[in-house]
Amino acid sequence: MMRIDISNLDEENHCYAIHLAISQNIVMYENGTFKFSDVGSTTPFESVDFWRNISLSAEILLKACLLKHHVSFFRKRAHSEYGAKVTSSVNQWLQSELEMLEINYLGEINTGTVSTALKRAEQVLFEKLSIKPQESALIVEIFYIIIRTRRNRNTHFFFPNQSHIKISEVEMFYLPLLNKLEQIYQLQR
């Protein structure tokens, strides 16, 4: 039976988060920093895609930070013993997590919601990395603003009133959040 090695799962998710953030050329990533690029004309569908992608990018980057800094947030999904088996041959911390949770198949890994990942960051990650309380509070607040105003509205249904790009919103919420998460990701363990 095939085994998938997820030893570098944090790195792969870091790359995917960057990909999502820059996929529509509204945000760019240069020398470890997310920056505003330019907003040409976008269709309503492209605008909604942008909000969904950049919101998902922040969530995935947060989860990459948790993985890189060895903060557990996985749970075992019941009745998902199918597909490829999973291992972490190089990352012993992750292998220990898989064993502790009795996860044998990729399908059994439940990464939870952004809210559960954020709670783990508040409970463990920010303190572990000595993130200043005002910085961690800002990360949490921005995430909850995004959750309430963009992420869930753009993910599950199309609302035409959400179909334009507000530059100020990108600059005030998304770029500071992505850049702070990127800084956290780059910190050495």
N, C-alpha and C. Protein backbone atom coordinates (compact mmCIF):
# COMPACT_ATOMS: atom_id res chain seq x y z
N MET A 1 0.84 -1.18 0.00
CA MET A 1 0.00 0.00 0.00
C MET A 1 0.89 1.25 0.00
N MET A 2 0.47 2.23 -0.74
CA MET A 2 1.23 3.48 -0.85
C MET A 2 1.18 4.28 0.46
N ARG A 3 2.32 4.90 0.80
CA ARG A 3 2.40 5.78 1.96
C ARG A 3 2.78 7.17 1.47
N ILE A 4 2.11 8.17 2.01
CA ILE A 4 2.43 9.56 1.70
C ILE A 4 3.20 10.13 2.87
N ASP A 5 4.37 10.69 2.58
CA ASP A 5 5.20 11.29 3.61
C ASP A 5 4.86 12.78 3.71
N ILE A 6 4.39 13.19 4.87
CA ILE A 6 3.98 14.59 5.08
C ILE A 6 4.97 15.33 5.98
N SER A 7 6.21 14.91 5.97
CA SER A 7 7.23 15.53 6.82
C SER A 7 7.35 17.03 6.60
N ASN A 8 7.15 17.49 5.38
CA ASN A 8 7.30 18.91 5.05
C ASN A 8 5.95 19.61 4.87
N LEU A 9 4.96 19.17 5.59
CA LEU A 9 3.62 19.71 5.43
C LEU A 9 3.55 21.21 5.72
N ASP A 10 4.34 21.68 6.67
CA ASP A 10 4.35 23.13 6.96
C ASP A 10 4.87 23.91 5.76
N GLU A 11 5.93 23.45 5.15
CA GLU A 11 6.51 24.14 3.99
C GLU A 11 5.56 24.12 2.80
N GLU A 12 4.93 22.98 2.58
CA GLU A 12 4.00 22.87 1.46
C GLU A 12 2.81 23.80 1.64
N ASN A 13 2.31 23.90 2.86
CA ASN A 13 1.18 24.79 3.12
C ASN A 13 1.61 26.25 3.07
N HIS A 14 2.83 26.56 3.48
CA HIS A 14 3.36 27.92 3.36
C HIS A 14 3.38 28.33 1.89
N CYS A 15 3.88 27.46 1.03
CA CYS A 15 3.91 27.74 -0.40
C CYS A 15 2.50 27.89 -0.98
N TYR A 16 1.59 27.06 -0.53
CA TYR A 16 0.22 27.14 -1.03
C TYR A 16 -0.46 28.44 -0.57
N ALA A 17 -0.19 28.85 0.65
CA ALA A 17 -0.76 30.12 1.15
C ALA A 17 -0.28 31.29 0.30
N ILE A 18 0.98 31.30 -0.04
CA ILE A 18 1.52 32.35 -0.91
C ILE A 18 0.85 32.29 -2.27
N HIS A 19 0.76 31.09 -2.82
CA HIS A 19 0.11 30.90 -4.12
C HIS A 19 -1.31 31.48 -4.13
N LEU A 20 -2.09 31.17 -3.10
CA LEU A 20 -3.46 31.67 -3.03
C LEU A 20 -3.50 33.19 -2.94
N ALA A 21 -2.63 33.76 -2.13
CA ALA A 21 -2.63 35.21 -1.94
C ALA A 21 -2.31 35.96 -3.22
N ILE A 22 -1.41 35.42 -4.00
CA ILE A 22 -0.95 36.15 -5.19
C ILE A 22 -1.60 35.68 -6.49
N SER A 23 -2.48 34.73 -6.42
CA SER A 23 -3.00 34.08 -7.62
C SER A 23 -3.72 35.02 -8.59
N GLN A 24 -4.19 36.15 -8.13
CA GLN A 24 -4.90 37.05 -9.04
C GLN A 24 -4.15 38.36 -9.28
N ASN A 25 -2.90 38.39 -8.87
CA ASN A 25 -2.02 39.54 -9.13
C ASN A 25 -2.50 40.84 -8.48
N ILE A 26 -3.31 40.75 -7.47
CA ILE A 26 -3.74 41.93 -6.72
C ILE A 26 -2.79 42.14 -5.55
N VAL A 27 -2.31 41.04 -5.02
CA VAL A 27 -1.28 41.05 -3.97
C VAL A 27 -0.07 40.34 -4.56
N MET A 28 1.11 40.83 -4.19
CA MET A 28 2.33 40.14 -4.62
C MET A 28 3.15 39.79 -3.38
N TYR A 29 4.05 38.87 -3.56
CA TYR A 29 4.93 38.41 -2.49
C TYR A 29 6.35 38.60 -2.99
N GLU A 30 7.10 39.44 -2.27
CA GLU A 30 8.44 39.76 -2.71
C GLU A 30 9.36 39.86 -1.49
N ASN A 31 10.44 39.11 -1.51
CA ASN A 31 11.43 39.13 -0.42
C ASN A 31 10.78 38.91 0.94
N GLY A 32 9.85 37.96 1.01
CA GLY A 32 9.23 37.62 2.29
C GLY A 32 8.15 38.58 2.76
N THR A 33 7.68 39.45 1.88
CA THR A 33 6.68 40.44 2.26
C THR A 33 5.53 40.43 1.26
N PHE A 34 4.33 40.46 1.79
CA PHE A 34 3.14 40.60 0.95
C PHE A 34 2.90 42.09 0.74
N LYS A 35 2.65 42.47 -0.52
CA LYS A 35 2.44 43.87 -0.87
C LYS A 35 1.24 43.97 -1.80
N PHE A 36 0.67 45.16 -1.80
CA PHE A 36 -0.41 45.44 -2.73
C PHE A 36 0.18 45.62 -4.11
N SER A 37 -0.40 44.99 -5.09
CA SER A 37 0.11 45.09 -6.44
C SER A 37 -0.68 46.13 -7.21
N ASP A 38 -1.81 45.75 -7.72
CA ASP A 38 -2.63 46.69 -8.47
C ASP A 38 -3.97 46.03 -8.70
N VAL A 39 -4.98 46.84 -8.76
CA VAL A 39 -6.30 46.32 -9.07
C VAL A 39 -6.68 46.86 -10.43
N GLY A 40 -6.61 45.99 -11.39
CA GLY A 40 -7.14 46.36 -12.69
C GLY A 40 -8.64 46.15 -12.62
N SER A 41 -9.25 46.02 -13.73
CA SER A 41 -10.68 45.74 -13.68
C SER A 41 -10.87 44.26 -13.40
N THR A 42 -11.80 43.98 -12.53
CA THR A 42 -12.12 42.60 -12.20
C THR A 42 -13.62 42.40 -12.36
N THR A 43 -13.96 41.21 -12.78
CA THR A 43 -15.37 40.87 -12.86
C THR A 43 -15.87 40.60 -11.44
N PRO A 44 -17.17 40.63 -11.22
CA PRO A 44 -17.68 40.29 -9.89
C PRO A 44 -17.21 38.92 -9.42
N PHE A 45 -17.18 37.94 -10.31
CA PHE A 45 -16.74 36.60 -9.92
C PHE A 45 -15.26 36.61 -9.52
N GLU A 46 -14.43 37.33 -10.27
CA GLU A 46 -13.00 37.41 -9.94
C GLU A 46 -12.79 38.10 -8.60
N SER A 47 -13.58 39.11 -8.30
CA SER A 47 -13.46 39.80 -7.01
C SER A 47 -13.80 38.87 -5.87
N VAL A 48 -14.88 38.13 -6.01
CA VAL A 48 -15.27 37.18 -4.96
C VAL A 48 -14.21 36.09 -4.83
N ASP A 49 -13.66 35.63 -5.96
CA ASP A 49 -12.57 34.65 -5.90
C ASP A 49 -11.39 35.21 -5.13
N PHE A 50 -11.06 36.48 -5.35
CA PHE A 50 -9.95 37.11 -4.63
C PHE A 50 -10.20 37.09 -3.13
N TRP A 51 -11.38 37.52 -2.69
CA TRP A 51 -11.68 37.55 -1.25
C TRP A 51 -11.60 36.15 -0.65
N ARG A 52 -12.13 35.17 -1.35
CA ARG A 52 -12.08 33.79 -0.84
C ARG A 52 -10.63 33.31 -0.76
N ASN A 53 -9.87 33.53 -1.83
CA ASN A 53 -8.49 33.04 -1.87
C ASN A 53 -7.60 33.70 -0.84
N ILE A 54 -7.73 35.00 -0.67
CA ILE A 54 -6.85 35.67 0.29
C ILE A 54 -7.24 35.33 1.73
N SER A 55 -8.53 35.12 1.97
CA SER A 55 -8.97 34.69 3.30
C SER A 55 -8.47 33.28 3.60
N LEU A 56 -8.58 32.41 2.63
CA LEU A 56 -8.09 31.05 2.80
C LEU A 56 -6.57 31.03 2.95
N SER A 57 -5.90 31.92 2.24
CA SER A 57 -4.45 32.05 2.36
C SER A 57 -4.04 32.35 3.80
N ALA A 58 -4.74 33.26 4.44
CA ALA A 58 -4.42 33.61 5.84
C ALA A 58 -4.62 32.40 6.75
N GLU A 59 -5.70 31.66 6.56
CA GLU A 59 -5.95 30.47 7.37
C GLU A 59 -4.86 29.43 7.18
N ILE A 60 -4.49 29.17 5.95
CA ILE A 60 -3.48 28.15 5.67
C ILE A 60 -2.11 28.59 6.18
N LEU A 61 -1.82 29.87 6.08
CA LEU A 61 -0.55 30.38 6.62
C LEU A 61 -0.51 30.24 8.14
N LEU A 62 -1.62 30.50 8.80
CA LEU A 62 -1.69 30.29 10.25
C LEU A 62 -1.43 28.82 10.60
N LYS A 63 -2.04 27.93 9.87
CA LYS A 63 -1.86 26.50 10.14
C LYS A 63 -0.43 26.06 9.82
N ALA A 64 0.19 26.65 8.80
CA ALA A 64 1.60 26.36 8.51
C ALA A 64 2.48 26.82 9.67
N CYS A 65 2.15 27.96 10.26
CA CYS A 65 2.90 28.45 11.43
C CYS A 65 2.78 27.47 12.59
N LEU A 66 1.57 26.99 12.84
CA LEU A 66 1.36 26.03 13.93
C LEU A 66 2.20 24.78 13.70
N LEU A 67 2.17 24.25 12.48
CA LEU A 67 2.94 23.05 12.18
C LEU A 67 4.44 23.29 12.31
N LYS A 68 4.92 24.39 11.76
CA LYS A 68 6.36 24.65 11.80
C LYS A 68 6.86 24.75 13.24
N HIS A 69 6.06 25.36 14.10
CA HIS A 69 6.49 25.59 15.48
C HIS A 69 5.96 24.54 16.44
N HIS A 70 5.55 23.40 15.88
CA HIS A 70 5.17 22.22 16.65
C HIS A 70 4.05 22.49 17.64
N VAL A 71 2.99 23.07 17.15
CA VAL A 71 1.79 23.29 17.96
C VAL A 71 0.69 22.41 17.36
N SER A 72 0.24 21.47 18.15
CA SER A 72 -0.74 20.50 17.69
C SER A 72 -2.11 21.15 17.47
N PHE A 73 -2.73 20.80 16.35
CA PHE A 73 -4.11 21.22 16.12
C PHE A 73 -4.89 20.17 15.33
N PHE A 74 -4.23 19.10 14.93
CA PHE A 74 -4.91 18.03 14.22
C PHE A 74 -5.85 17.29 15.17
N ARG A 75 -6.92 16.78 14.58
CA ARG A 75 -7.79 15.83 15.28
C ARG A 75 -8.00 14.66 14.33
N LYS A 76 -8.48 13.57 14.87
CA LYS A 76 -8.73 12.40 14.03
C LYS A 76 -10.16 12.43 13.54
N ARG A 77 -10.32 12.29 12.24
CA ARG A 77 -11.64 12.21 11.61
C ARG A 77 -12.08 10.75 11.64
N ALA A 78 -13.22 10.51 12.22
CA ALA A 78 -13.73 9.14 12.35
C ALA A 78 -14.18 8.60 11.00
N HIS A 79 -14.09 7.30 10.84
CA HIS A 79 -14.59 6.57 9.67
C HIS A 79 -13.96 7.06 8.37
N SER A 80 -12.67 7.35 8.42
CA SER A 80 -11.97 7.85 7.23
C SER A 80 -10.75 7.01 6.93
N GLU A 81 -10.84 5.73 7.20
CA GLU A 81 -9.73 4.80 6.97
C GLU A 81 -9.72 4.38 5.51
N TYR A 82 -9.32 5.29 4.64
CA TYR A 82 -9.31 4.99 3.21
C TYR A 82 -8.17 5.75 2.55
N GLY A 83 -7.89 5.38 1.32
CA GLY A 83 -6.85 6.06 0.56
C GLY A 83 -5.46 5.68 1.04
N ALA A 84 -4.55 6.60 0.82
CA ALA A 84 -3.14 6.35 1.14
C ALA A 84 -2.89 6.42 2.64
N LYS A 85 -1.96 5.58 3.06
CA LYS A 85 -1.49 5.67 4.45
C LYS A 85 -0.57 6.87 4.55
N VAL A 86 -0.37 7.36 5.76
CA VAL A 86 0.40 8.58 5.96
C VAL A 86 1.52 8.34 6.96
N THR A 87 2.64 9.00 6.73
CA THR A 87 3.78 8.92 7.63
C THR A 87 4.51 10.26 7.61
N SER A 88 5.40 10.42 8.57
CA SER A 88 6.27 11.59 8.61
C SER A 88 7.66 11.09 8.99
N SER A 89 8.42 10.69 8.00
CA SER A 89 9.69 10.01 8.25
C SER A 89 10.79 10.94 8.74
N VAL A 90 10.75 12.20 8.39
CA VAL A 90 11.81 13.14 8.76
C VAL A 90 11.40 14.01 9.95
N ASN A 91 10.14 14.36 10.02
CA ASN A 91 9.64 15.24 11.07
C ASN A 91 9.11 14.39 12.22
N GLN A 92 9.96 14.14 13.21
CA GLN A 92 9.60 13.25 14.31
C GLN A 92 8.46 13.80 15.16
N TRP A 93 8.40 15.12 15.33
CA TRP A 93 7.29 15.70 16.08
C TRP A 93 5.96 15.36 15.41
N LEU A 94 5.90 15.54 14.10
CA LEU A 94 4.66 15.26 13.38
C LEU A 94 4.34 13.76 13.42
N GLN A 95 5.35 12.92 13.30
CA GLN A 95 5.12 11.47 13.39
C GLN A 95 4.55 11.12 14.76
N SER A 96 5.06 11.74 15.81
CA SER A 96 4.53 11.51 17.16
C SER A 96 3.08 11.93 17.26
N GLU A 97 2.74 13.05 16.64
CA GLU A 97 1.34 13.52 16.63
C GLU A 97 0.44 12.50 15.94
N LEU A 98 0.88 12.02 14.80
CA LEU A 98 0.10 11.02 14.08
C LEU A 98 -0.11 9.77 14.92
N GLU A 99 0.94 9.32 15.57
CA GLU A 99 0.85 8.12 16.41
C GLU A 99 -0.05 8.36 17.62
N MET A 100 0.11 9.51 18.27
CA MET A 100 -0.69 9.81 19.46
C MET A 100 -2.18 9.85 19.11
N LEU A 101 -2.51 10.41 17.95
CA LEU A 101 -3.91 10.52 17.53
C LEU A 101 -4.40 9.26 16.82
N GLU A 102 -3.49 8.28 16.65
CA GLU A 102 -3.79 7.03 15.97
C GLU A 102 -4.29 7.28 14.55
N ILE A 103 -3.61 8.20 13.87
CA ILE A 103 -3.91 8.52 12.48
C ILE A 103 -3.00 7.69 11.59
N ASN A 104 -3.62 6.89 10.74
CA ASN A 104 -2.87 6.05 9.82
C ASN A 104 -3.09 6.43 8.35
N TYR A 105 -4.22 7.07 8.07
CA TYR A 105 -4.58 7.43 6.70
C TYR A 105 -4.69 8.94 6.56
N LEU A 106 -4.32 9.42 5.39
CA LEU A 106 -4.42 10.85 5.12
C LEU A 106 -5.84 11.35 5.36
N GLY A 107 -6.83 10.56 4.99
CA GLY A 107 -8.23 10.94 5.16
C GLY A 107 -8.64 11.12 6.60
N GLU A 108 -7.86 10.59 7.54
CA GLU A 108 -8.20 10.72 8.96
C GLU A 108 -7.76 12.05 9.57
N ILE A 109 -6.96 12.82 8.85
CA ILE A 109 -6.47 14.08 9.40
C ILE A 109 -7.54 15.15 9.25
N ASN A 110 -7.97 15.66 10.38
CA ASN A 110 -8.92 16.77 10.42
C ASN A 110 -8.13 17.98 10.91
N THR A 111 -8.01 19.00 10.06
CA THR A 111 -7.25 20.20 10.43
C THR A 111 -8.11 21.25 11.10
N GLY A 112 -9.41 21.00 11.24
CA GLY A 112 -10.29 21.92 11.94
C GLY A 112 -10.56 23.20 11.18
N THR A 113 -11.18 24.11 11.85
CA THR A 113 -11.56 25.40 11.26
C THR A 113 -10.50 26.45 11.57
N VAL A 114 -10.62 27.59 10.94
CA VAL A 114 -9.72 28.70 11.26
C VAL A 114 -9.90 29.11 12.71
N SER A 115 -11.10 29.05 13.23
CA SER A 115 -11.34 29.43 14.63
C SER A 115 -10.62 28.49 15.59
N THR A 116 -10.63 27.18 15.31
CA THR A 116 -9.93 26.26 16.20
C THR A 116 -8.42 26.44 16.09
N ALA A 117 -7.93 26.69 14.89
CA ALA A 117 -6.49 26.94 14.71
C ALA A 117 -6.09 28.23 15.44
N LEU A 118 -6.93 29.23 15.37
CA LEU A 118 -6.65 30.50 16.04
C LEU A 118 -6.62 30.33 17.56
N LYS A 119 -7.50 29.51 18.07
CA LYS A 119 -7.50 29.23 19.51
C LYS A 119 -6.19 28.56 19.94
N ARG A 120 -5.70 27.63 19.12
CA ARG A 120 -4.42 26.97 19.43
C ARG A 120 -3.27 27.97 19.38
N ALA A 121 -3.35 28.90 18.43
CA ALA A 121 -2.32 29.94 18.36
C ALA A 121 -2.36 30.79 19.61
N GLU A 122 -3.55 31.17 20.06
CA GLU A 122 -3.68 31.98 21.27
C GLU A 122 -3.21 31.22 22.51
N GLN A 123 -3.57 29.95 22.60
CA GLN A 123 -3.26 29.15 23.78
C GLN A 123 -1.78 28.76 23.86
N VAL A 124 -1.16 28.52 22.70
CA VAL A 124 0.19 27.95 22.72
C VAL A 124 1.20 28.74 21.89
N LEU A 125 0.92 28.95 20.62
CA LEU A 125 1.91 29.49 19.68
C LEU A 125 2.42 30.86 20.08
N PHE A 126 1.53 31.80 20.34
CA PHE A 126 1.96 33.16 20.61
C PHE A 126 2.84 33.24 21.86
N GLU A 127 2.49 32.48 22.86
CA GLU A 127 3.30 32.46 24.08
C GLU A 127 4.63 31.74 23.84
N LYS A 128 4.57 30.64 23.14
CA LYS A 128 5.78 29.86 22.84
C LYS A 128 6.82 30.70 22.10
N LEU A 129 6.36 31.59 21.22
CA LEU A 129 7.27 32.41 20.42
C LEU A 129 7.45 33.81 20.98
N SER A 130 6.90 34.06 22.15
CA SER A 130 6.99 35.37 22.81
C SER A 130 6.48 36.50 21.92
N ILE A 131 5.33 36.26 21.29
CA ILE A 131 4.68 37.30 20.48
C ILE A 131 4.06 38.29 21.47
N LYS A 132 4.28 39.56 21.23
CA LYS A 132 3.76 40.59 22.12
C LYS A 132 2.23 40.51 22.19
N PRO A 133 1.67 40.73 23.38
CA PRO A 133 0.21 40.63 23.53
C PRO A 133 -0.57 41.52 22.56
N GLN A 134 -0.09 42.73 22.31
CA GLN A 134 -0.82 43.60 21.37
C GLN A 134 -0.77 43.05 19.95
N GLU A 135 0.32 42.40 19.57
CA GLU A 135 0.42 41.80 18.24
C GLU A 135 -0.50 40.58 18.11
N SER A 136 -0.49 39.74 19.14
CA SER A 136 -1.37 38.56 19.07
C SER A 136 -2.83 38.99 19.11
N ALA A 137 -3.17 40.00 19.88
CA ALA A 137 -4.55 40.50 19.93
C ALA A 137 -4.96 41.06 18.57
N LEU A 138 -4.06 41.71 17.88
CA LEU A 138 -4.35 42.25 16.56
C LEU A 138 -4.60 41.13 15.55
N ILE A 139 -3.78 40.10 15.60
CA ILE A 139 -3.96 38.94 14.71
C ILE A 139 -5.35 38.34 14.91
N VAL A 140 -5.70 38.12 16.16
CA VAL A 140 -7.00 37.53 16.49
C VAL A 140 -8.14 38.42 16.00
N GLU A 141 -8.04 39.71 16.28
CA GLU A 141 -9.10 40.65 15.88
C GLU A 141 -9.27 40.70 14.36
N ILE A 142 -8.16 40.77 13.64
CA ILE A 142 -8.26 40.81 12.18
C ILE A 142 -8.89 39.53 11.65
N PHE A 143 -8.49 38.39 12.20
CA PHE A 143 -9.09 37.13 11.75
C PHE A 143 -10.60 37.15 11.97
N TYR A 144 -11.05 37.61 13.12
CA TYR A 144 -12.49 37.61 13.38
C TYR A 144 -13.24 38.62 12.51
N ILE A 145 -12.60 39.72 12.17
CA ILE A 145 -13.21 40.66 11.22
C ILE A 145 -13.36 39.99 9.86
N ILE A 146 -12.31 39.31 9.42
CA ILE A 146 -12.35 38.62 8.13
C ILE A 146 -13.41 37.52 8.14
N ILE A 147 -13.48 36.76 9.21
CA ILE A 147 -14.47 35.69 9.31
C ILE A 147 -15.88 36.27 9.20
N ARG A 148 -16.14 37.36 9.89
CA ARG A 148 -17.48 37.95 9.90
C ARG A 148 -17.83 38.64 8.59
N THR A 149 -16.85 39.27 7.95
CA THR A 149 -17.18 40.13 6.81
C THR A 149 -16.90 39.52 5.45
N ARG A 150 -15.95 38.65 5.34
CA ARG A 150 -15.56 38.16 4.02
C ARG A 150 -15.56 36.65 3.89
N ARG A 151 -14.82 35.99 4.75
CA ARG A 151 -14.50 34.59 4.49
C ARG A 151 -15.74 33.74 4.30
N ASN A 152 -16.61 33.69 5.26
CA ASN A 152 -17.75 32.80 5.15
C ASN A 152 -18.78 33.28 4.14
N ARG A 153 -18.92 34.58 3.98
CA ARG A 153 -19.88 35.08 2.99
C ARG A 153 -19.42 34.76 1.58
N ASN A 154 -18.14 34.78 1.33
CA ASN A 154 -17.64 34.55 -0.02
C ASN A 154 -17.36 33.09 -0.32
N THR A 155 -17.36 32.27 0.66
CA THR A 155 -16.99 30.88 0.45
C THR A 155 -18.18 30.02 0.07
N HIS A 156 -19.33 30.30 0.60
CA HIS A 156 -20.45 29.37 0.47
C HIS A 156 -21.58 29.84 -0.43
N PHE A 157 -21.50 31.09 -0.90
CA PHE A 157 -22.57 31.62 -1.74
C PHE A 157 -22.08 32.89 -2.41
N PHE A 158 -22.63 33.24 -3.56
CA PHE A 158 -22.25 34.46 -4.26
C PHE A 158 -23.22 35.58 -3.90
N PHE A 159 -22.67 36.66 -3.34
CA PHE A 159 -23.43 37.86 -3.06
C PHE A 159 -22.86 38.98 -3.92
N PRO A 160 -23.66 39.55 -4.83
CA PRO A 160 -23.14 40.59 -5.71
C PRO A 160 -22.57 41.80 -4.98
N ASN A 161 -23.10 42.13 -3.81
CA ASN A 161 -22.57 43.29 -3.09
C ASN A 161 -21.16 43.05 -2.55
N GLN A 162 -20.69 41.83 -2.59
CA GLN A 162 -19.33 41.50 -2.16
C GLN A 162 -18.37 41.47 -3.35
N SER A 163 -18.84 41.88 -4.50
CA SER A 163 -18.10 41.62 -5.73
C SER A 163 -17.26 42.78 -6.23
N HIS A 164 -16.73 43.55 -5.33
CA HIS A 164 -15.76 44.58 -5.72
C HIS A 164 -14.61 44.56 -4.71
N ILE A 165 -13.48 45.03 -5.14
CA ILE A 165 -12.29 44.98 -4.29
C ILE A 165 -12.09 46.34 -3.65
N LYS A 166 -12.04 46.33 -2.33
CA LYS A 166 -11.78 47.55 -1.58
C LYS A 166 -10.30 47.57 -1.22
N ILE A 167 -9.58 48.48 -1.83
CA ILE A 167 -8.14 48.58 -1.60
C ILE A 167 -7.85 48.81 -0.12
N SER A 168 -8.63 49.66 0.51
CA SER A 168 -8.39 49.97 1.93
C SER A 168 -8.52 48.73 2.79
N GLU A 169 -9.46 47.86 2.47
CA GLU A 169 -9.64 46.63 3.24
C GLU A 169 -8.43 45.70 3.08
N VAL A 170 -7.90 45.62 1.88
CA VAL A 170 -6.71 44.80 1.63
C VAL A 170 -5.55 45.36 2.44
N GLU A 171 -5.38 46.67 2.41
CA GLU A 171 -4.24 47.30 3.09
C GLU A 171 -4.38 47.32 4.61
N MET A 172 -5.60 47.45 5.13
CA MET A 172 -5.79 47.55 6.58
C MET A 172 -5.86 46.20 7.28
N PHE A 173 -6.38 45.20 6.60
CA PHE A 173 -6.58 43.91 7.25
C PHE A 173 -5.69 42.80 6.70
N TYR A 174 -5.79 42.55 5.43
CA TYR A 174 -5.14 41.37 4.87
C TYR A 174 -3.62 41.48 4.84
N LEU A 175 -3.09 42.58 4.35
CA LEU A 175 -1.63 42.68 4.26
C LEU A 175 -0.97 42.66 5.64
N PRO A 176 -1.46 43.41 6.63
CA PRO A 176 -0.84 43.30 7.96
C PRO A 176 -0.93 41.89 8.54
N LEU A 177 -2.07 41.23 8.34
CA LEU A 177 -2.23 39.87 8.87
C LEU A 177 -1.28 38.91 8.17
N LEU A 178 -1.27 38.92 6.85
CA LEU A 178 -0.38 38.01 6.12
C LEU A 178 1.09 38.27 6.46
N ASN A 179 1.47 39.53 6.57
CA ASN A 179 2.87 39.84 6.88
C ASN A 179 3.25 39.45 8.30
N LYS A 180 2.35 39.60 9.25
CA LYS A 180 2.66 39.18 10.62
C LYS A 180 2.76 37.65 10.68
N LEU A 181 1.86 36.96 10.01
CA LEU A 181 1.94 35.50 9.98
C LEU A 181 3.21 35.02 9.28
N GLU A 182 3.60 35.73 8.23
CA GLU A 182 4.84 35.38 7.53
C GLU A 182 6.04 35.56 8.47
N GLN A 183 6.05 36.63 9.24
CA GLN A 183 7.13 36.83 10.22
C GLN A 183 7.16 35.70 11.24
N ILE A 184 5.99 35.29 11.71
CA ILE A 184 5.91 34.20 12.67
C ILE A 184 6.40 32.90 12.02
N TYR A 185 6.00 32.67 10.80
CA TYR A 185 6.45 31.46 10.11
C TYR A 185 7.97 31.43 10.00
N GLN A 186 8.58 32.55 9.71
CA GLN A 186 10.02 32.62 9.49
C GLN A 186 10.85 32.55 10.77
N LEU A 187 10.21 32.73 11.94
CA LEU A 187 10.96 32.63 13.19
C LEU A 187 11.56 31.23 13.32
N GLN A 188 12.75 31.19 13.88
CA GLN A 188 13.41 29.90 14.10
C GLN A 188 12.82 29.23 15.31
N ARG A 189 12.73 27.90 15.25
CA ARG A 189 12.23 27.13 16.40
C ARG A 189 13.24 27.14 17.48
